[in-house]
Amino acid sequence: MKILYFSWIRTKIGKDKEVVILPKNVKNGSDLVDFLKTKGPKHADALKNKKVIRMAINFEHTALNHPIKKNDEIALFPPVTGG
């Protein structure tokens, strides 16, 4: 699965993307964030508060409880405002 990181999440993790192999217990975005936090201290710090993590699956904004599949492209980013 391809994971893309944006804004301060990318800065804290130190990379803009990575490819991961999902364990079988990862069924949705929330599970994915929990799994990614185990990849090391940078991931754990960047993803520690799920309330400020937004997700898109294949370019569609979704909630973290949305199901994911191994071939999806996932983007993780903070809330964004414009104007």
PDB file of N, CA and C in Angstrom:
ATOM      1  N   MET A   1       0.843  -1.165   0.000  1.00  0.00           N
ATOM      2  CA  MET A   1       0.000   0.000   0.000  1.00  0.00           C
ATOM      3  C   MET A   1       0.892   1.233   0.000  1.00  0.00           C
ATOM      4  N   LYS A   2       0.531   2.198  -0.835  1.00  0.00           N
ATOM      5  CA  LYS A   2       1.285   3.446  -0.898  1.00  0.00           C
ATOM      6  C   LYS A   2       0.653   4.456   0.056  1.00  0.00           C
ATOM      7  N   ILE A   3       1.495   5.023   0.929  1.00  0.00           N
ATOM      8  CA  ILE A   3       1.061   6.024   1.891  1.00  0.00           C
ATOM      9  C   ILE A   3       1.747   7.340   1.534  1.00  0.00           C
ATOM     10  N   LEU A   4       0.968   8.414   1.437  1.00  0.00           N
ATOM     11  CA  LEU A   4       1.496   9.749   1.176  1.00  0.00           C
ATOM     12  C   LEU A   4       1.299  10.599   2.421  1.00  0.00           C
ATOM     13  N   TYR A   5       2.321  11.374   2.781  1.00  0.00           N
ATOM     14  CA  TYR A   5       2.253  12.246   3.952  1.00  0.00           C
ATOM     15  C   TYR A   5       2.340  13.699   3.505  1.00  0.00           C
ATOM     16  N   PHE A   6       1.562  14.564   4.146  1.00  0.00           N
ATOM     17  CA  PHE A   6       1.537  15.973   3.780  1.00  0.00           C
ATOM     18  C   PHE A   6       1.722  16.868   4.998  1.00  0.00           C
ATOM     19  N   SER A   7       2.203  18.090   4.733  1.00  0.00           N
ATOM     20  CA  SER A   7       2.345  19.164   5.712  1.00  0.00           C
ATOM     21  C   SER A   7       3.247  18.735   6.874  1.00  0.00           C
ATOM     22  N   TRP A   8       2.851  19.082   8.101  1.00  0.00           N
ATOM     23  CA  TRP A   8       3.716  18.788   9.241  1.00  0.00           C
ATOM     24  C   TRP A   8       3.837  17.285   9.512  1.00  0.00           C
ATOM     25  N   ILE A   9       2.903  16.485   9.029  1.00  0.00           N
ATOM     26  CA  ILE A   9       3.041  15.031   9.180  1.00  0.00           C
ATOM     27  C   ILE A   9       4.266  14.572   8.394  1.00  0.00           C
ATOM     28  N   ARG A  10       4.396  15.058   7.167  1.00  0.00           N
ATOM     29  CA  ARG A  10       5.567  14.736   6.337  1.00  0.00           C
ATOM     30  C   ARG A  10       6.848  15.223   7.016  1.00  0.00           C
ATOM     31  N   THR A  11       6.820  16.431   7.547  1.00  0.00           N
ATOM     32  CA  THR A  11       8.006  16.993   8.202  1.00  0.00           C
ATOM     33  C   THR A  11       8.421  16.149   9.403  1.00  0.00           C
ATOM     34  N   LYS A  12       7.467  15.777  10.245  1.00  0.00           N
ATOM     35  CA  LYS A  12       7.794  14.996  11.446  1.00  0.00           C
ATOM     36  C   LYS A  12       8.279  13.591  11.110  1.00  0.00           C
ATOM     37  N   ILE A  13       7.663  12.958  10.114  1.00  0.00           N
ATOM     38  CA  ILE A  13       8.070  11.599   9.743  1.00  0.00           C
ATOM     39  C   ILE A  13       9.382  11.623   8.969  1.00  0.00           C
ATOM     40  N   GLY A  14       9.598  12.697   8.196  1.00  0.00           N
ATOM     41  CA  GLY A  14      10.852  12.828   7.457  1.00  0.00           C
ATOM     42  C   GLY A  14      10.817  12.236   6.062  1.00  0.00           C
ATOM     43  N   LYS A  15       9.621  11.951   5.568  1.00  0.00           N
ATOM     44  CA  LYS A  15       9.478  11.450   4.198  1.00  0.00           C
ATOM     45  C   LYS A  15       8.095  11.821   3.691  1.00  0.00           C
ATOM     46  N   ASP A  16       7.985  11.898   2.369  1.00  0.00           N
ATOM     47  CA  ASP A  16       6.693  12.277   1.799  1.00  0.00           C
ATOM     48  C   ASP A  16       5.843  11.080   1.394  1.00  0.00           C
ATOM     49  N   LYS A  17       6.459   9.915   1.298  1.00  0.00           N
ATOM     50  CA  LYS A  17       5.693   8.714   0.946  1.00  0.00           C
ATOM     51  C   LYS A  17       6.466   7.475   1.349  1.00  0.00           C
ATOM     52  N   GLU A  18       5.748   6.389   1.430  1.00  0.00           N
ATOM     53  CA  GLU A  18       6.364   5.087   1.652  1.00  0.00           C
ATOM     54  C   GLU A  18       5.378   4.003   1.230  1.00  0.00           C
ATOM     55  N   VAL A  19       5.913   2.834   0.984  1.00  0.00           N
ATOM     56  CA  VAL A  19       5.094   1.674   0.648  1.00  0.00           C
ATOM     57  C   VAL A  19       5.169   0.714   1.824  1.00  0.00           C
ATOM     58  N   VAL A  20       4.015   0.262   2.282  1.00  0.00           N
ATOM     59  CA  VAL A  20       3.970  -0.656   3.421  1.00  0.00           C
ATOM     60  C   VAL A  20       3.171  -1.900   3.042  1.00  0.00           C
ATOM     61  N   ILE A  21       3.488  -2.983   3.700  1.00  0.00           N
ATOM     62  CA  ILE A  21       2.704  -4.216   3.592  1.00  0.00           C
ATOM     63  C   ILE A  21       1.850  -4.287   4.853  1.00  0.00           C
ATOM     64  N   LEU A  22       0.562  -4.335   4.661  1.00  0.00           N
ATOM     65  CA  LEU A  22      -0.351  -4.295   5.798  1.00  0.00           C
ATOM     66  C   LEU A  22      -0.485  -5.644   6.482  1.00  0.00           C
ATOM     67  N   PRO A  23      -0.467  -5.635   7.817  1.00  0.00           N
ATOM     68  CA  PRO A  23      -0.831  -6.854   8.536  1.00  0.00           C
ATOM     69  C   PRO A  23      -2.323  -7.136   8.307  1.00  0.00           C
ATOM     70  N   LYS A  24      -2.724  -8.356   8.493  1.00  0.00           N
ATOM     71  CA  LYS A  24      -4.116  -8.743   8.238  1.00  0.00           C
ATOM     72  C   LYS A  24      -5.109  -8.041   9.155  1.00  0.00           C
ATOM     73  N   ASN A  25      -4.660  -7.590  10.319  1.00  0.00           N
ATOM     74  CA  ASN A  25      -5.583  -6.952  11.263  1.00  0.00           C
ATOM     75  C   ASN A  25      -5.880  -5.490  10.918  1.00  0.00           C
ATOM     76  N   VAL A  26      -5.237  -4.931   9.913  1.00  0.00           N
ATOM     77  CA  VAL A  26      -5.490  -3.542   9.517  1.00  0.00           C
ATOM     78  C   VAL A  26      -6.651  -3.539   8.524  1.00  0.00           C
ATOM     79  N   LYS A  27      -7.790  -3.046   8.987  1.00  0.00           N
ATOM     80  CA  LYS A  27      -9.016  -3.083   8.180  1.00  0.00           C
ATOM     81  C   LYS A  27      -9.503  -1.700   7.746  1.00  0.00           C
ATOM     82  N   ASN A  28      -9.105  -0.643   8.486  1.00  0.00           N
ATOM     83  CA  ASN A  28      -9.571   0.706   8.163  1.00  0.00           C
ATOM     84  C   ASN A  28      -8.461   1.724   8.439  1.00  0.00           C
ATOM     85  N   GLY A  29      -8.759   2.984   8.201  1.00  0.00           N
ATOM     86  CA  GLY A  29      -7.752   4.022   8.371  1.00  0.00           C
ATOM     87  C   GLY A  29      -7.255   4.153   9.800  1.00  0.00           C
ATOM     88  N   SER A  30      -8.135   3.986  10.755  1.00  0.00           N
ATOM     89  CA  SER A  30      -7.727   4.057  12.154  1.00  0.00           C
ATOM     90  C   SER A  30      -6.730   2.947  12.487  1.00  0.00           C
ATOM     91  N   ASP A  31      -7.015   1.740  12.024  1.00  0.00           N
ATOM     92  CA  ASP A  31      -6.078   0.625  12.203  1.00  0.00           C
ATOM     93  C   ASP A  31      -4.744   0.934  11.523  1.00  0.00           C
ATOM     94  N   LEU A  32      -4.808   1.552  10.344  1.00  0.00           N
ATOM     95  CA  LEU A  32      -3.591   1.897   9.609  1.00  0.00           C
ATOM     96  C   LEU A  32      -2.737   2.874  10.401  1.00  0.00           C
ATOM     97  N   VAL A  33      -3.361   3.906  10.953  1.00  0.00           N
ATOM     98  CA  VAL A  33      -2.614   4.880  11.755  1.00  0.00           C
ATOM     99  C   VAL A  33      -1.972   4.184  12.949  1.00  0.00           C
ATOM    100  N   ASP A  34      -2.712   3.313  13.625  1.00  0.00           N
ATOM    101  CA  ASP A  34      -2.145   2.567  14.757  1.00  0.00           C
ATOM    102  C   ASP A  34      -0.947   1.733  14.312  1.00  0.00           C
ATOM    103  N   PHE A  35      -1.061   1.072  13.173  1.00  0.00           N
ATOM    104  CA  PHE A  35       0.048   0.281  12.642  1.00  0.00           C
ATOM    105  C   PHE A  35       1.245   1.172  12.310  1.00  0.00           C
ATOM    106  N   LEU A  36       1.010   2.288  11.646  1.00  0.00           N
ATOM    107  CA  LEU A  36       2.112   3.175  11.255  1.00  0.00           C
ATOM    108  C   LEU A  36       2.846   3.730  12.476  1.00  0.00           C
ATOM    109  N   LYS A  37       2.122   3.959  13.571  1.00  0.00           N
ATOM    110  CA  LYS A  37       2.766   4.469  14.793  1.00  0.00           C
ATOM    111  C   LYS A  37       3.801   3.492  15.335  1.00  0.00           C
ATOM    112  N   THR A  38       3.698   2.211  14.987  1.00  0.00           N
ATOM    113  CA  THR A  38       4.659   1.216  15.473  1.00  0.00           C
ATOM    114  C   THR A  38       5.943   1.202  14.644  1.00  0.00           C
ATOM    115  N   LYS A  39       5.987   1.970  13.555  1.00  0.00           N
ATOM    116  CA  LYS A  39       7.154   1.963  12.672  1.00  0.00           C
ATOM    117  C   LYS A  39       8.338   2.736  13.246  1.00  0.00           C
ATOM    118  N   GLY A  40       8.144   3.466  14.323  1.00  0.00           N
ATOM    119  CA  GLY A  40       9.255   4.174  14.937  1.00  0.00           C
ATOM    120  C   GLY A  40       8.804   5.445  15.623  1.00  0.00           C
ATOM    121  N   PRO A  41       9.725   6.098  16.339  1.00  0.00           N
ATOM    122  CA  PRO A  41       9.365   7.280  17.121  1.00  0.00           C
ATOM    123  C   PRO A  41       8.882   8.461  16.280  1.00  0.00           C
ATOM    124  N   LYS A  42       9.395   8.636  15.083  1.00  0.00           N
ATOM    125  CA  LYS A  42       8.936   9.750  14.239  1.00  0.00           C
ATOM    126  C   LYS A  42       7.484   9.537  13.814  1.00  0.00           C
ATOM    127  N   HIS A  43       7.168   8.317  13.410  1.00  0.00           N
ATOM    128  CA  HIS A  43       5.784   7.999  13.040  1.00  0.00           C
ATOM    129  C   HIS A  43       4.872   8.147  14.266  1.00  0.00           C
ATOM    130  N   ALA A  44       5.317   7.628  15.397  1.00  0.00           N
ATOM    131  CA  ALA A  44       4.506   7.686  16.617  1.00  0.00           C
ATOM    132  C   ALA A  44       4.211   9.129  17.004  1.00  0.00           C
ATOM    133  N   ASP A  45       5.206   9.999  16.899  1.00  0.00           N
ATOM    134  CA  ASP A  45       5.007  11.406  17.253  1.00  0.00           C
ATOM    135  C   ASP A  45       4.064  12.091  16.268  1.00  0.00           C
ATOM    136  N   ALA A  46       4.280  11.882  14.988  1.00  0.00           N
ATOM    137  CA  ALA A  46       3.472  12.555  13.968  1.00  0.00           C
ATOM    138  C   ALA A  46       2.009  12.117  13.998  1.00  0.00           C
ATOM    139  N   LEU A  47       1.764  10.868  14.367  1.00  0.00           N
ATOM    140  CA  LEU A  47       0.416  10.305  14.272  1.00  0.00           C
ATOM    141  C   LEU A  47      -0.238  10.069  15.630  1.00  0.00           C
ATOM    142  N   LYS A  48       0.313  10.676  16.682  1.00  0.00           N
ATOM    143  CA  LYS A  48      -0.154  10.375  18.034  1.00  0.00           C
ATOM    144  C   LYS A  48      -1.592  10.808  18.314  1.00  0.00           C
ATOM    145  N   ASN A  49      -2.071  11.844  17.648  1.00  0.00           N
ATOM    146  CA  ASN A  49      -3.416  12.350  17.917  1.00  0.00           C
ATOM    147  C   ASN A  49      -4.295  12.182  16.676  1.00  0.00           C
ATOM    148  N   LYS A  50      -5.096  11.139  16.663  1.00  0.00           N
ATOM    149  CA  LYS A  50      -5.939  10.855  15.492  1.00  0.00           C
ATOM    150  C   LYS A  50      -6.951  11.962  15.209  1.00  0.00           C
ATOM    151  N   LYS A  51      -7.272  12.778  16.213  1.00  0.00           N
ATOM    152  CA  LYS A  51      -8.250  13.850  16.009  1.00  0.00           C
ATOM    153  C   LYS A  51      -7.763  14.895  15.015  1.00  0.00           C
ATOM    154  N   VAL A  52      -6.454  14.971  14.801  1.00  0.00           N
ATOM    155  CA  VAL A  52      -5.918  15.965  13.863  1.00  0.00           C
ATOM    156  C   VAL A  52      -5.350  15.315  12.604  1.00  0.00           C
ATOM    157  N   ILE A  53      -5.734  14.082  12.351  1.00  0.00           N
ATOM    158  CA  ILE A  53      -5.298  13.376  11.141  1.00  0.00           C
ATOM    159  C   ILE A  53      -6.499  13.225  10.213  1.00  0.00           C
ATOM    160  N   ARG A  54      -6.324  13.625   8.984  1.00  0.00           N
ATOM    161  CA  ARG A  54      -7.339  13.438   7.948  1.00  0.00           C
ATOM    162  C   ARG A  54      -6.804  12.433   6.942  1.00  0.00           C
ATOM    163  N   MET A  55      -7.714  11.782   6.219  1.00  0.00           N
ATOM    164  CA  MET A  55      -7.300  10.734   5.298  1.00  0.00           C
ATOM    165  C   MET A  55      -8.059  10.849   3.984  1.00  0.00           C
ATOM    166  N   ALA A  56      -7.358  10.536   2.915  1.00  0.00           N
ATOM    167  CA  ALA A  56      -7.989  10.364   1.608  1.00  0.00           C
ATOM    168  C   ALA A  56      -7.584   8.988   1.095  1.00  0.00           C
ATOM    169  N   ILE A  57      -8.541   8.310   0.494  1.00  0.00           N
ATOM    170  CA  ILE A  57      -8.287   7.014  -0.136  1.00  0.00           C
ATOM    171  C   ILE A  57      -8.505   7.196  -1.631  1.00  0.00           C
ATOM    172  N   ASN A  58      -7.455   6.961  -2.391  1.00  0.00           N
ATOM    173  CA  ASN A  58      -7.545   7.112  -3.847  1.00  0.00           C
ATOM    174  C   ASN A  58      -8.159   8.459  -4.231  1.00  0.00           C
ATOM    175  N   PHE A  59      -7.658   9.524  -3.590  1.00  0.00           N
ATOM    176  CA  PHE A  59      -8.038  10.922  -3.857  1.00  0.00           C
ATOM    177  C   PHE A  59      -9.419  11.316  -3.347  1.00  0.00           C
ATOM    178  N   GLU A  60     -10.065  10.472  -2.553  1.00  0.00           N
ATOM    179  CA  GLU A  60     -11.379  10.780  -1.989  1.00  0.00           C
ATOM    180  C   GLU A  60     -11.239  10.951  -0.477  1.00  0.00           C
ATOM    181  N   HIS A  61     -11.644  12.115   0.043  1.00  0.00           N
ATOM    182  CA  HIS A  61     -11.611  12.336   1.488  1.00  0.00           C
ATOM    183  C   HIS A  61     -12.563  11.357   2.170  1.00  0.00           C
ATOM    184  N   THR A  62     -12.084  10.726   3.223  1.00  0.00           N
ATOM    185  CA  THR A  62     -12.892   9.755   3.958  1.00  0.00           C
ATOM    186  C   THR A  62     -12.594   9.864   5.444  1.00  0.00           C
ATOM    187  N   ALA A  63     -13.433   9.254   6.243  1.00  0.00           N
ATOM    188  CA  ALA A  63     -13.197   9.177   7.681  1.00  0.00           C
ATOM    189  C   ALA A  63     -12.190   8.069   7.969  1.00  0.00           C
ATOM    190  N   LEU A  64     -11.536   8.175   9.121  1.00  0.00           N
ATOM    191  CA  LEU A  64     -10.550   7.156   9.491  1.00  0.00           C
ATOM    192  C   LEU A  64     -11.172   5.774   9.681  1.00  0.00           C
ATOM    193  N   ASN A  65     -12.468   5.717   9.928  1.00  0.00           N
ATOM    194  CA  ASN A  65     -13.088   4.398  10.113  1.00  0.00           C
ATOM    195  C   ASN A  65     -13.504   3.757   8.783  1.00  0.00           C
ATOM    196  N   HIS A  66     -13.179   4.400   7.678  1.00  0.00           N
ATOM    197  CA  HIS A  66     -13.515   3.858   6.353  1.00  0.00           C
ATOM    198  C   HIS A  66     -12.631   2.642   6.057  1.00  0.00           C
ATOM    199  N   PRO A  67     -13.194   1.571   5.503  1.00  0.00           N
ATOM    200  CA  PRO A  67     -12.393   0.385   5.155  1.00  0.00           C
ATOM    201  C   PRO A  67     -11.320   0.711   4.113  1.00  0.00           C
ATOM    202  N   ILE A  68     -10.189   0.025   4.216  1.00  0.00           N
ATOM    203  CA  ILE A  68      -9.117   0.185   3.234  1.00  0.00           C
ATOM    204  C   ILE A  68      -8.763  -1.180   2.654  1.00  0.00           C
ATOM    205  N   LYS A  69      -8.183  -1.138   1.444  1.00  0.00           N
ATOM    206  CA  LYS A  69      -7.736  -2.361   0.768  1.00  0.00           C
ATOM    207  C   LYS A  69      -6.255  -2.228   0.451  1.00  0.00           C
ATOM    208  N   LYS A  70      -5.582  -3.342   0.285  1.00  0.00           N
ATOM    209  CA  LYS A  70      -4.127  -3.339   0.137  1.00  0.00           C
ATOM    210  C   LYS A  70      -3.634  -2.559  -1.073  1.00  0.00           C
ATOM    211  N   ASN A  71      -4.438  -2.392  -2.111  1.00  0.00           N
ATOM    212  CA  ASN A  71      -3.999  -1.663  -3.300  1.00  0.00           C
ATOM    213  C   ASN A  71      -4.411  -0.195  -3.297  1.00  0.00           C
ATOM    214  N   ASP A  72      -5.018   0.278  -2.214  1.00  0.00           N
ATOM    215  CA  ASP A  72      -5.406   1.685  -2.119  1.00  0.00           C
ATOM    216  C   ASP A  72      -4.179   2.579  -1.977  1.00  0.00           C
ATOM    217  N   GLU A  73      -4.326   3.819  -2.417  1.00  0.00           N
ATOM    218  CA  GLU A  73      -3.330   4.854  -2.134  1.00  0.00           C
ATOM    219  C   GLU A  73      -3.931   5.736  -1.047  1.00  0.00           C
ATOM    220  N   ILE A  74      -3.216   5.857   0.053  1.00  0.00           N
ATOM    221  CA  ILE A  74      -3.714   6.580   1.219  1.00  0.00           C
ATOM    222  C   ILE A  74      -2.904   7.853   1.407  1.00  0.00           C
ATOM    223  N   ALA A  75      -3.598   8.960   1.603  1.00  0.00           N
ATOM    224  CA  ALA A  75      -2.947  10.223   1.944  1.00  0.00           C
ATOM    225  C   ALA A  75      -3.340  10.582   3.369  1.00  0.00           C
ATOM    226  N   LEU A  76      -2.349  10.947   4.173  1.00  0.00           N
ATOM    227  CA  LEU A  76      -2.585  11.396   5.542  1.00  0.00           C
ATOM    228  C   LEU A  76      -2.128  12.843   5.644  1.00  0.00           C
ATOM    229  N   PHE A  77      -2.988  13.686   6.221  1.00  0.00           N
ATOM    230  CA  PHE A  77      -2.696  15.118   6.276  1.00  0.00           C
ATOM    231  C   PHE A  77      -3.454  15.742   7.444  1.00  0.00           C
ATOM    232  N   PRO A  78      -3.018  16.925   7.885  1.00  0.00           N
ATOM    233  CA  PRO A  78      -3.739  17.620   8.950  1.00  0.00           C
ATOM    234  C   PRO A  78      -4.973  18.324   8.379  1.00  0.00           C
ATOM    235  N   PRO A  79      -5.862  18.786   9.256  1.00  0.00           N
ATOM    236  CA  PRO A  79      -6.995  19.575   8.765  1.00  0.00           C
ATOM    237  C   PRO A  79      -6.469  20.797   8.002  1.00  0.00           C
ATOM    238  N   VAL A  80      -7.174  21.173   6.965  1.00  0.00           N
ATOM    239  CA  VAL A  80      -6.715  22.282   6.131  1.00  0.00           C
ATOM    240  C   VAL A  80      -7.796  23.356   6.075  1.00  0.00           C
ATOM    241  N   THR A  81      -7.354  24.580   6.020  1.00  0.00           N
ATOM    242  CA  THR A  81      -8.289  25.682   5.814  1.00  0.00           C
ATOM    243  C   THR A  81      -7.782  26.522   4.664  1.00  0.00           C
ATOM    244  N   GLY A  82      -8.644  27.236   4.094  1.00  0.00           N
ATOM    245  CA  GLY A  82      -8.246  28.097   2.979  1.00  0.00           C
ATOM    246  C   GLY A  82      -8.904  29.449   3.111  1.00  0.00           C
ATOM    247  N   GLY A  83      -8.577  30.289   2.175  1.00  0.00           N
ATOM    248  CA  GLY A  83      -9.261  31.574   2.207  1.00  0.00           C
ATOM    249  C   GLY A  83      -8.374  32.720   1.893  1.00  0.00           C
TER     250      GLY A  83
END
